[in-house]
All heavy atoms as atom14 arrays in JSON, in Angstrom:
{
  "sequence": "EGTRPVRGPNYDADQGHVIVSRNGRHLADLRPEKRLYRVQRDVMTQAA",
  "atom14_mask": [
    [1, 1, 1, 1, 1, 1, 1, 1, 1, 0, 0, 0, 0, 0],
    [1, 1, 1, 1, 0, 0, 0, 0, 0, 0, 0, 0, 0, 0],
    [1, 1, 1, 1, 1, 1, 1, 0, 0, 0, 0, 0, 0, 0],
    [1, 1, 1, 1, 1, 1, 1, 1, 1, 1, 1, 0, 0, 0],
    [1, 1, 1, 1, 1, 1, 1, 0, 0, 0, 0, 0, 0, 0],
    [1, 1, 1, 1, 1, 1, 1, 0, 0, 0, 0, 0, 0, 0],
    [1, 1, 1, 1, 1, 1, 1, 1, 1, 1, 1, 0, 0, 0],
    [1, 1, 1, 1, 0, 0, 0, 0, 0, 0, 0, 0, 0, 0],
    [1, 1, 1, 1, 1, 1, 1, 0, 0, 0, 0, 0, 0, 0],
    [1, 1, 1, 1, 1, 1, 1, 1, 0, 0, 0, 0, 0, 0],
    [1, 1, 1, 1, 1, 1, 1, 1, 1, 1, 1, 1, 0, 0],
    [1, 1, 1, 1, 1, 1, 1, 1, 0, 0, 0, 0, 0, 0],
    [1, 1, 1, 1, 1, 0, 0, 0, 0, 0, 0, 0, 0, 0],
    [1, 1, 1, 1, 1, 1, 1, 1, 0, 0, 0, 0, 0, 0],
    [1, 1, 1, 1, 1, 1, 1, 1, 1, 0, 0, 0, 0, 0],
    [1, 1, 1, 1, 0, 0, 0, 0, 0, 0, 0, 0, 0, 0],
    [1, 1, 1, 1, 1, 1, 1, 1, 1, 1, 0, 0, 0, 0],
    [1, 1, 1, 1, 1, 1, 1, 0, 0, 0, 0, 0, 0, 0],
    [1, 1, 1, 1, 1, 1, 1, 1, 0, 0, 0, 0, 0, 0],
    [1, 1, 1, 1, 1, 1, 1, 0, 0, 0, 0, 0, 0, 0],
    [1, 1, 1, 1, 1, 1, 0, 0, 0, 0, 0, 0, 0, 0],
    [1, 1, 1, 1, 1, 1, 1, 1, 1, 1, 1, 0, 0, 0],
    [1, 1, 1, 1, 1, 1, 1, 1, 0, 0, 0, 0, 0, 0],
    [1, 1, 1, 1, 0, 0, 0, 0, 0, 0, 0, 0, 0, 0],
    [1, 1, 1, 1, 1, 1, 1, 1, 1, 1, 1, 0, 0, 0],
    [1, 1, 1, 1, 1, 1, 1, 1, 1, 1, 0, 0, 0, 0],
    [1, 1, 1, 1, 1, 1, 1, 1, 0, 0, 0, 0, 0, 0],
    [1, 1, 1, 1, 1, 0, 0, 0, 0, 0, 0, 0, 0, 0],
    [1, 1, 1, 1, 1, 1, 1, 1, 0, 0, 0, 0, 0, 0],
    [1, 1, 1, 1, 1, 1, 1, 1, 0, 0, 0, 0, 0, 0],
    [1, 1, 1, 1, 1, 1, 1, 1, 1, 1, 1, 0, 0, 0],
    [1, 1, 1, 1, 1, 1, 1, 0, 0, 0, 0, 0, 0, 0],
    [1, 1, 1, 1, 1, 1, 1, 1, 1, 0, 0, 0, 0, 0],
    [1, 1, 1, 1, 1, 1, 1, 1, 1, 0, 0, 0, 0, 0],
    [1, 1, 1, 1, 1, 1, 1, 1, 1, 1, 1, 0, 0, 0],
    [1, 1, 1, 1, 1, 1, 1, 1, 0, 0, 0, 0, 0, 0],
    [1, 1, 1, 1, 1, 1, 1, 1, 1, 1, 1, 1, 0, 0],
    [1, 1, 1, 1, 1, 1, 1, 1, 1, 1, 1, 0, 0, 0],
    [1, 1, 1, 1, 1, 1, 1, 0, 0, 0, 0, 0, 0, 0],
    [1, 1, 1, 1, 1, 1, 1, 1, 1, 0, 0, 0, 0, 0],
    [1, 1, 1, 1, 1, 1, 1, 1, 1, 1, 1, 0, 0, 0],
    [1, 1, 1, 1, 1, 1, 1, 1, 0, 0, 0, 0, 0, 0],
    [1, 1, 1, 1, 1, 1, 1, 0, 0, 0, 0, 0, 0, 0],
    [1, 1, 1, 1, 1, 1, 1, 1, 0, 0, 0, 0, 0, 0],
    [1, 1, 1, 1, 1, 1, 1, 0, 0, 0, 0, 0, 0, 0],
    [1, 1, 1, 1, 1, 1, 1, 1, 1, 0, 0, 0, 0, 0],
    [1, 1, 1, 1, 1, 0, 0, 0, 0, 0, 0, 0, 0, 0],
    [1, 1, 1, 1, 1, 0, 0, 0, 0, 0, 0, 0, 0, 0]
  ],
  "atom14_positions": [
    [[0.82, -1.19, 0.02], [-0.02, -0.03, 0.0], [0.84, 1.26, 0.02], [0.28, 2.35, 0.1], [-0.91, -0.02, 1.25], [-1.98, -1.08, 1.22], [-2.97, -0.89, 0.11], [-3.47, 0.29, -0.04], [-3.28, -1.9, -0.58], [0.0, 0.0, 0.0], [0.0, 0.0, 0.0], [0.0, 0.0, 0.0], [0.0, 0.0, 0.0], [0.0, 0.0, 0.0]],
    [[2.18, 1.08, -0.07], [3.03, 2.31, -0.07], [3.71, 2.55, 1.26], [3.61, 1.69, 2.17], [0.0, 0.0, 0.0], [0.0, 0.0, 0.0], [0.0, 0.0, 0.0], [0.0, 0.0, 0.0], [0.0, 0.0, 0.0], [0.0, 0.0, 0.0], [0.0, 0.0, 0.0], [0.0, 0.0, 0.0], [0.0, 0.0, 0.0], [0.0, 0.0, 0.0]],
    [[4.33, 3.67, 1.37], [5.07, 4.02, 2.64], [4.63, 5.39, 3.14], [4.01, 6.14, 2.35], [6.59, 4.04, 2.41], [6.94, 5.1, 1.45], [7.11, 2.7, 1.92], [0.0, 0.0, 0.0], [0.0, 0.0, 0.0], [0.0, 0.0, 0.0], [0.0, 0.0, 0.0], [0.0, 0.0, 0.0], [0.0, 0.0, 0.0], [0.0, 0.0, 0.0]],
    [[4.95, 5.65, 4.39], [4.71, 6.97, 4.91], [5.85, 7.28, 5.88], [6.49, 6.41, 6.45], [3.3, 7.0, 5.7], [3.31, 6.18, 6.97], [1.93, 6.18, 7.6], [1.9, 5.46, 8.81], [2.1, 5.92, 10.04], [2.37, 7.24, 10.23], [2.08, 5.19, 11.12], [0.0, 0.0, 0.0], [0.0, 0.0, 0.0], [0.0, 0.0, 0.0]],
    [[6.19, 8.58, 6.03], [7.27, 8.95, 6.93], [6.82, 8.85, 8.36], [5.68, 9.14, 8.76], [7.55, 10.44, 6.63], [6.25, 10.89, 5.97], [5.63, 9.79, 5.33], [0.0, 0.0, 0.0], [0.0, 0.0, 0.0], [0.0, 0.0, 0.0], [0.0, 0.0, 0.0], [0.0, 0.0, 0.0], [0.0, 0.0, 0.0], [0.0, 0.0, 0.0]],
    [[7.72, 8.34, 9.22], [7.51, 8.17, 10.68], [8.71, 8.79, 11.37], [9.84, 8.5, 10.99], [7.3, 6.69, 11.04], [7.21, 6.55, 12.52], [6.01, 6.13, 10.37], [0.0, 0.0, 0.0], [0.0, 0.0, 0.0], [0.0, 0.0, 0.0], [0.0, 0.0, 0.0], [0.0, 0.0, 0.0], [0.0, 0.0, 0.0], [0.0, 0.0, 0.0]],
    [[8.46, 9.52, 12.45], [9.52, 10.09, 13.18], [9.58, 9.4, 14.56], [8.57, 9.42, 15.32], [9.34, 11.59, 13.39], [10.5, 12.31, 14.15], [10.31, 13.77, 14.14], [11.35, 14.46, 14.93], [12.55, 14.78, 14.41], [12.88, 14.54, 13.17], [13.45, 15.4, 15.22], [0.0, 0.0, 0.0], [0.0, 0.0, 0.0], [0.0, 0.0, 0.0]],
    [[10.73, 8.8, 14.83], [10.96, 8.12, 16.12], [11.69, 9.1, 17.07], [12.1, 10.19, 16.75], [0.0, 0.0, 0.0], [0.0, 0.0, 0.0], [0.0, 0.0, 0.0], [0.0, 0.0, 0.0], [0.0, 0.0, 0.0], [0.0, 0.0, 0.0], [0.0, 0.0, 0.0], [0.0, 0.0, 0.0], [0.0, 0.0, 0.0], [0.0, 0.0, 0.0]],
    [[11.98, 8.53, 18.23], [12.66, 9.42, 19.28], [14.05, 9.88, 18.83], [14.51, 10.96, 19.11], [12.76, 8.56, 20.52], [12.51, 7.12, 19.99], [11.68, 7.26, 18.83], [0.0, 0.0, 0.0], [0.0, 0.0, 0.0], [0.0, 0.0, 0.0], [0.0, 0.0, 0.0], [0.0, 0.0, 0.0], [0.0, 0.0, 0.0], [0.0, 0.0, 0.0]],
    [[14.77, 9.04, 18.07], [16.12, 9.38, 17.56], [16.34, 8.82, 16.17], [17.51, 8.64, 15.78], [17.16, 8.83, 18.55], [17.13, 7.33, 18.67], [16.16, 6.66, 18.42], [18.27, 6.73, 19.09], [0.0, 0.0, 0.0], [0.0, 0.0, 0.0], [0.0, 0.0, 0.0], [0.0, 0.0, 0.0], [0.0, 0.0, 0.0], [0.0, 0.0, 0.0]],
    [[15.27, 8.61, 15.43], [15.39, 8.18, 14.08], [14.24, 8.66, 13.27], [13.21, 9.09, 13.79], [15.51, 6.66, 14.03], [14.22, 5.95, 14.49], [13.14, 5.72, 13.56], [14.11, 5.46, 15.82], [11.99, 5.13, 14.04], [12.99, 4.85, 16.2], [11.92, 4.62, 15.35], [10.78, 4.04, 15.75], [0.0, 0.0, 0.0], [0.0, 0.0, 0.0]],
    [[14.47, 8.76, 11.95], [13.36, 9.02, 10.98], [13.21, 7.71, 10.1], [14.21, 7.06, 9.76], [13.69, 10.19, 10.06], [13.83, 11.5, 10.85], [12.96, 11.75, 11.62], [14.9, 12.11, 10.77], [0.0, 0.0, 0.0], [0.0, 0.0, 0.0], [0.0, 0.0, 0.0], [0.0, 0.0, 0.0], [0.0, 0.0, 0.0], [0.0, 0.0, 0.0]],
    [[11.99, 7.36, 9.78], [11.77, 6.11, 9.1], [10.74, 6.24, 7.98], [9.86, 7.13, 7.99], [11.3, 5.09, 10.1], [0.0, 0.0, 0.0], [0.0, 0.0, 0.0], [0.0, 0.0, 0.0], [0.0, 0.0, 0.0], [0.0, 0.0, 0.0], [0.0, 0.0, 0.0], [0.0, 0.0, 0.0], [0.0, 0.0, 0.0], [0.0, 0.0, 0.0]],
    [[10.93, 5.36, 6.94], [9.87, 5.16, 5.96], [9.17, 3.86, 6.38], [9.84, 2.8, 6.46], [10.49, 4.94, 4.63], [11.03, 6.25, 3.99], [10.27, 7.25, 3.99], [12.19, 6.31, 3.65], [0.0, 0.0, 0.0], [0.0, 0.0, 0.0], [0.0, 0.0, 0.0], [0.0, 0.0, 0.0], [0.0, 0.0, 0.0], [0.0, 0.0, 0.0]],
    [[7.88, 3.93, 6.74], [7.14, 2.79, 7.2], [6.27, 2.3, 6.08], [5.39, 2.94, 5.61], [6.31, 3.17, 8.4], [5.6, 2.01, 9.01], [4.68, 2.4, 10.15], [3.63, 2.82, 9.95], [5.24, 2.22, 11.37], [0.0, 0.0, 0.0], [0.0, 0.0, 0.0], [0.0, 0.0, 0.0], [0.0, 0.0, 0.0], [0.0, 0.0, 0.0]],
    [[6.53, 1.01, 5.68], [5.62, 0.41, 4.66], [4.36, -0.12, 5.25], [4.21, -0.35, 6.46], [0.0, 0.0, 0.0], [0.0, 0.0, 0.0], [0.0, 0.0, 0.0], [0.0, 0.0, 0.0], [0.0, 0.0, 0.0], [0.0, 0.0, 0.0], [0.0, 0.0, 0.0], [0.0, 0.0, 0.0], [0.0, 0.0, 0.0], [0.0, 0.0, 0.0]],
    [[3.41, -0.36, 4.37], [2.11, -1.02, 4.74], [1.86, -2.11, 3.77], [1.7, -1.87, 2.58], [1.03, 0.04, 4.78], [-0.35, -0.49, 5.19], [-1.54, 0.08, 4.87], [-0.62, -1.61, 5.87], [-2.49, -0.59, 5.38], [-1.99, -1.69, 6.02], [0.0, 0.0, 0.0], [0.0, 0.0, 0.0], [0.0, 0.0, 0.0], [0.0, 0.0, 0.0]],
    [[1.85, -3.34, 4.33], [1.58, -4.47, 3.45], [0.41, -5.3, 4.01], [0.36, -5.61, 5.17], [2.82, -5.44, 3.41], [2.58, -6.65, 2.55], [4.08, -4.67, 2.89], [0.0, 0.0, 0.0], [0.0, 0.0, 0.0], [0.0, 0.0, 0.0], [0.0, 0.0, 0.0], [0.0, 0.0, 0.0], [0.0, 0.0, 0.0], [0.0, 0.0, 0.0]],
    [[-0.63, -5.46, 3.15], [-1.82, -6.23, 3.58], [-1.64, -7.67, 3.15], [-1.36, -7.91, 1.96], [-3.05, -5.58, 2.99], [-3.24, -4.11, 3.46], [-4.36, -6.41, 3.35], [-4.44, -3.42, 2.8], [0.0, 0.0, 0.0], [0.0, 0.0, 0.0], [0.0, 0.0, 0.0], [0.0, 0.0, 0.0], [0.0, 0.0, 0.0], [0.0, 0.0, 0.0]],
    [[-1.76, -8.59, 4.12], [-1.66, -10.0, 3.82], [-3.04, -10.66, 3.83], [-3.81, -10.45, 4.76], [-0.71, -10.7, 4.83], [-0.45, -12.14, 4.38], [0.6, -9.94, 4.95], [0.0, 0.0, 0.0], [0.0, 0.0, 0.0], [0.0, 0.0, 0.0], [0.0, 0.0, 0.0], [0.0, 0.0, 0.0], [0.0, 0.0, 0.0], [0.0, 0.0, 0.0]],
    [[-3.24, -11.46, 2.8], [-4.54, -12.23, 2.79], [-4.29, -13.57, 2.18], [-3.28, -13.91, 1.53], [-5.6, -11.45, 1.96], [-5.2, -11.27, 0.63], [0.0, 0.0, 0.0], [0.0, 0.0, 0.0], [0.0, 0.0, 0.0], [0.0, 0.0, 0.0], [0.0, 0.0, 0.0], [0.0, 0.0, 0.0], [0.0, 0.0, 0.0], [0.0, 0.0, 0.0]],
    [[-5.27, -14.48, 2.35], [-5.21, -15.81, 1.73], [-6.65, -16.25, 1.37], [-7.54, -16.2, 2.25], [-4.53, -16.8, 2.62], [-4.32, -18.16, 2.01], [-3.55, -19.08, 2.81], [-3.13, -20.25, 2.11], [-2.39, -21.24, 2.59], [-2.05, -21.24, 3.88], [-2.04, -22.25, 1.86], [0.0, 0.0, 0.0], [0.0, 0.0, 0.0], [0.0, 0.0, 0.0]],
    [[-6.82, -16.64, 0.18], [-8.11, -17.03, -0.29], [-9.17, -15.96, 0.0], [-10.38, -16.29, 0.32], [-8.59, -18.41, 0.33], [-7.61, -19.49, -0.03], [-7.08, -19.56, -1.14], [-7.42, -20.39, 0.96], [0.0, 0.0, 0.0], [0.0, 0.0, 0.0], [0.0, 0.0, 0.0], [0.0, 0.0, 0.0], [0.0, 0.0, 0.0], [0.0, 0.0, 0.0]],
    [[-8.78, -14.69, -0.17], [-9.75, -13.61, -0.01], [-9.95, -13.2, 1.44], [-10.67, -12.27, 1.73], [0.0, 0.0, 0.0], [0.0, 0.0, 0.0], [0.0, 0.0, 0.0], [0.0, 0.0, 0.0], [0.0, 0.0, 0.0], [0.0, 0.0, 0.0], [0.0, 0.0, 0.0], [0.0, 0.0, 0.0], [0.0, 0.0, 0.0], [0.0, 0.0, 0.0]],
    [[-9.31, -13.89, 2.41], [-9.5, -13.65, 3.85], [-8.34, -12.77, 4.39], [-7.12, -13.19, 4.25], [-9.63, -14.88, 4.68], [-10.0, -14.66, 6.12], [-10.38, -15.98, 6.79], [-9.21, -16.95, 6.76], [-8.34, -17.09, 7.74], [-8.39, -16.3, 8.79], [-7.39, -18.01, 7.6], [0.0, 0.0, 0.0], [0.0, 0.0, 0.0], [0.0, 0.0, 0.0]],
    [[-8.61, -11.63, 4.95], [-7.61, -10.8, 5.45], [-6.95, -11.42, 6.7], [-7.57, -11.98, 7.55], [-8.23, -9.41, 5.87], [-7.26, -8.49, 6.52], [-6.99, -8.42, 7.9], [-6.42, -7.56, 5.9], [-6.09, -7.51, 8.13], [-5.7, -6.96, 7.0], [0.0, 0.0, 0.0], [0.0, 0.0, 0.0], [0.0, 0.0, 0.0], [0.0, 0.0, 0.0]],
    [[-5.59, -11.4, 6.65], [-4.85, -12.06, 7.74], [-4.06, -11.01, 8.62], [-4.02, -11.16, 9.83], [-3.82, -13.07, 7.21], [-4.39, -14.28, 6.5], [-3.31, -15.17, 5.94], [-5.27, -15.08, 7.43], [0.0, 0.0, 0.0], [0.0, 0.0, 0.0], [0.0, 0.0, 0.0], [0.0, 0.0, 0.0], [0.0, 0.0, 0.0], [0.0, 0.0, 0.0]],
    [[-3.45, -10.08, 8.01], [-2.57, -9.25, 8.78], [-2.25, -7.87, 8.05], [-2.35, -7.85, 6.79], [-1.29, -9.88, 9.16], [0.0, 0.0, 0.0], [0.0, 0.0, 0.0], [0.0, 0.0, 0.0], [0.0, 0.0, 0.0], [0.0, 0.0, 0.0], [0.0, 0.0, 0.0], [0.0, 0.0, 0.0], [0.0, 0.0, 0.0], [0.0, 0.0, 0.0]],
    [[-1.93, -6.86, 8.81], [-1.4, -5.63, 8.27], [0.06, -5.49, 8.82], [0.35, -5.36, 10.0], [-2.16, -4.38, 8.7], [-3.52, -4.31, 8.02], [-3.57, -3.73, 6.94], [-4.45, -4.88, 8.57], [0.0, 0.0, 0.0], [0.0, 0.0, 0.0], [0.0, 0.0, 0.0], [0.0, 0.0, 0.0], [0.0, 0.0, 0.0], [0.0, 0.0, 0.0]],
    [[1.08, -5.63, 7.9], [2.43, -5.65, 8.28], [3.06, -4.24, 7.94], [2.79, -3.75, 6.88], [3.21, -6.75, 7.57], [2.72, -8.13, 7.84], [3.65, -9.17, 7.11], [2.74, -8.5, 9.31], [0.0, 0.0, 0.0], [0.0, 0.0, 0.0], [0.0, 0.0, 0.0], [0.0, 0.0, 0.0], [0.0, 0.0, 0.0], [0.0, 0.0, 0.0]],
    [[3.87, -3.77, 8.91], [4.44, -2.38, 8.7], [5.96, -2.44, 8.93], [6.44, -2.06, 9.95], [3.76, -1.45, 9.7], [2.24, -1.34, 9.46], [1.63, -0.3, 10.38], [0.16, -0.34, 10.26], [-0.55, 0.25, 9.25], [0.15, 0.94, 8.35], [-1.86, 0.21, 9.21], [0.0, 0.0, 0.0], [0.0, 0.0, 0.0], [0.0, 0.0, 0.0]],
    [[6.62, -2.94, 7.92], [8.15, -2.93, 8.01], [8.6, -1.49, 7.89], [7.99, -0.63, 7.33], [8.56, -3.78, 6.8], [7.47, -3.61, 5.79], [6.2, -3.52, 6.6], [0.0, 0.0, 0.0], [0.0, 0.0, 0.0], [0.0, 0.0, 0.0], [0.0, 0.0, 0.0], [0.0, 0.0, 0.0], [0.0, 0.0, 0.0], [0.0, 0.0, 0.0]],
    [[9.87, -1.26, 8.36], [10.38, 0.15, 8.36], [11.84, 0.05, 7.84], [12.57, -0.86, 8.09], [10.38, 0.75, 9.81], [9.02, 0.98, 10.3], [9.08, 1.63, 11.72], [10.16, 1.85, 12.23], [8.0, 1.97, 12.27], [0.0, 0.0, 0.0], [0.0, 0.0, 0.0], [0.0, 0.0, 0.0], [0.0, 0.0, 0.0], [0.0, 0.0, 0.0]],
    [[12.2, 1.22, 7.21], [13.55, 1.48, 6.88], [13.94, 2.73, 7.73], [13.36, 3.88, 7.47], [13.71, 1.8, 5.39], [15.12, 1.57, 4.89], [15.44, 0.09, 4.78], [16.74, -0.12, 4.03], [17.01, -1.55, 3.93], [0.0, 0.0, 0.0], [0.0, 0.0, 0.0], [0.0, 0.0, 0.0], [0.0, 0.0, 0.0], [0.0, 0.0, 0.0]],
    [[14.81, 2.57, 8.71], [15.08, 3.61, 9.63], [16.44, 4.34, 9.38], [17.45, 3.65, 9.12], [15.11, 3.15, 11.15], [13.78, 2.67, 11.61], [13.85, 2.07, 12.98], [12.54, 1.69, 13.54], [12.38, 1.1, 14.65], [13.38, 0.95, 15.49], [11.16, 0.76, 15.08], [0.0, 0.0, 0.0], [0.0, 0.0, 0.0], [0.0, 0.0, 0.0]],
    [[16.47, 5.65, 9.45], [17.71, 6.45, 9.42], [17.93, 7.04, 10.77], [17.13, 7.89, 11.24], [17.64, 7.52, 8.39], [18.81, 8.51, 8.32], [20.07, 7.82, 7.94], [18.53, 9.69, 7.36], [0.0, 0.0, 0.0], [0.0, 0.0, 0.0], [0.0, 0.0, 0.0], [0.0, 0.0, 0.0], [0.0, 0.0, 0.0], [0.0, 0.0, 0.0]],
    [[18.91, 6.57, 11.47], [19.25, 7.15, 12.81], [19.94, 8.43, 12.67], [20.97, 8.59, 11.94], [20.03, 6.16, 13.63], [19.14, 5.0, 14.13], [18.84, 3.93, 13.31], [18.62, 5.01, 15.42], [18.01, 2.95, 13.77], [17.78, 4.08, 15.89], [17.46, 2.96, 15.0], [16.61, 1.95, 15.48], [0.0, 0.0, 0.0], [0.0, 0.0, 0.0]],
    [[19.42, 9.52, 13.29], [19.82, 10.86, 12.96], [21.26, 11.19, 13.37], [21.94, 12.02, 12.7], [18.83, 11.84, 13.67], [17.43, 11.82, 13.14], [16.62, 12.97, 13.62], [16.15, 12.74, 15.02], [15.0, 12.16, 15.36], [14.22, 11.76, 14.36], [14.67, 12.01, 16.57], [0.0, 0.0, 0.0], [0.0, 0.0, 0.0], [0.0, 0.0, 0.0]],
    [[21.77, 10.54, 14.41], [23.1, 10.89, 14.9], [24.18, 10.17, 14.1], [25.08, 10.78, 13.49], [23.24, 10.59, 16.44], [24.68, 10.88, 16.87], [22.26, 11.4, 17.21], [0.0, 0.0, 0.0], [0.0, 0.0, 0.0], [0.0, 0.0, 0.0], [0.0, 0.0, 0.0], [0.0, 0.0, 0.0], [0.0, 0.0, 0.0], [0.0, 0.0, 0.0]],
    [[24.12, 8.87, 14.06], [25.15, 8.09, 13.36], [24.88, 7.93, 11.87], [25.78, 7.42, 11.14], [25.22, 6.7, 14.04], [25.69, 6.78, 15.39], [26.11, 5.37, 15.96], [26.11, 4.34, 15.28], [26.46, 5.33, 17.21], [0.0, 0.0, 0.0], [0.0, 0.0, 0.0], [0.0, 0.0, 0.0], [0.0, 0.0, 0.0], [0.0, 0.0, 0.0]],
    [[23.66, 8.35, 11.39], [23.34, 8.28, 10.01], [23.35, 6.87, 9.45], [23.59, 6.67, 8.26], [24.26, 9.21, 9.19], [24.41, 10.64, 9.65], [23.13, 11.31, 9.78], [22.42, 11.56, 8.52], [21.14, 12.06, 8.43], [20.48, 12.38, 9.56], [20.61, 12.21, 7.24], [0.0, 0.0, 0.0], [0.0, 0.0, 0.0], [0.0, 0.0, 0.0]],
    [[23.09, 5.9, 10.31], [23.06, 4.57, 9.88], [21.65, 4.22, 9.45], [20.6, 4.61, 10.08], [23.42, 3.58, 11.01], [24.94, 3.61, 11.31], [25.66, 3.96, 10.4], [25.36, 3.26, 12.46], [0.0, 0.0, 0.0], [0.0, 0.0, 0.0], [0.0, 0.0, 0.0], [0.0, 0.0, 0.0], [0.0, 0.0, 0.0], [0.0, 0.0, 0.0]],
    [[21.51, 3.42, 8.4], [20.16, 2.97, 7.89], [19.95, 1.57, 8.34], [20.82, 0.7, 8.11], [20.11, 3.05, 6.32], [18.78, 2.53, 5.82], [20.31, 4.53, 5.88], [0.0, 0.0, 0.0], [0.0, 0.0, 0.0], [0.0, 0.0, 0.0], [0.0, 0.0, 0.0], [0.0, 0.0, 0.0], [0.0, 0.0, 0.0], [0.0, 0.0, 0.0]],
    [[18.83, 1.36, 9.01], [18.56, 0.01, 9.54], [17.29, -0.49, 9.01], [16.3, 0.27, 8.81], [18.53, 0.01, 11.1], [19.78, 0.56, 11.76], [21.23, -0.36, 11.36], [20.78, -1.98, 12.07], [0.0, 0.0, 0.0], [0.0, 0.0, 0.0], [0.0, 0.0, 0.0], [0.0, 0.0, 0.0], [0.0, 0.0, 0.0], [0.0, 0.0, 0.0]],
    [[17.14, -1.81, 8.87], [15.92, -2.43, 8.38], [15.18, -3.01, 9.56], [15.75, -3.76, 10.39], [16.2, -3.59, 7.4], [16.85, -2.89, 6.29], [14.91, -4.21, 6.99], [0.0, 0.0, 0.0], [0.0, 0.0, 0.0], [0.0, 0.0, 0.0], [0.0, 0.0, 0.0], [0.0, 0.0, 0.0], [0.0, 0.0, 0.0], [0.0, 0.0, 0.0]],
    [[13.93, -2.66, 9.83], [13.08, -3.27, 10.82], [12.03, -4.11, 10.17], [11.07, -3.58, 9.6], [12.49, -2.12, 11.72], [11.79, -2.63, 13.02], [12.78, -3.03, 14.03], [13.91, -2.53, 14.02], [12.48, -3.92, 14.97], [0.0, 0.0, 0.0], [0.0, 0.0, 0.0], [0.0, 0.0, 0.0], [0.0, 0.0, 0.0], [0.0, 0.0, 0.0]],
    [[12.15, -5.44, 10.2], [11.29, -6.3, 9.56], [9.98, -6.34, 10.31], [9.86, -6.07, 11.47], [11.9, -7.7, 9.44], [0.0, 0.0, 0.0], [0.0, 0.0, 0.0], [0.0, 0.0, 0.0], [0.0, 0.0, 0.0], [0.0, 0.0, 0.0], [0.0, 0.0, 0.0], [0.0, 0.0, 0.0], [0.0, 0.0, 0.0], [0.0, 0.0, 0.0]],
    [[8.93, -6.73, 9.56], [7.59, -6.97, 10.21], [7.27, -8.48, 9.98], [7.45, -8.99, 8.91], [6.52, -6.08, 9.51], [0.0, 0.0, 0.0], [0.0, 0.0, 0.0], [0.0, 0.0, 0.0], [0.0, 0.0, 0.0], [0.0, 0.0, 0.0], [0.0, 0.0, 0.0], [0.0, 0.0, 0.0], [0.0, 0.0, 0.0], [0.0, 0.0, 0.0]]
  ]
}
């Protein structure tokens, strides 16, 4: 469903939105993130 910006206490993130279904039945909304930590400028992956 795309991504949206999210601001954490010490990082900025792009948060994805993935809808999971099976045989037409909704199962979950997963929200993985790609985080940029503002001080060290490290990019981290937060799986869902």
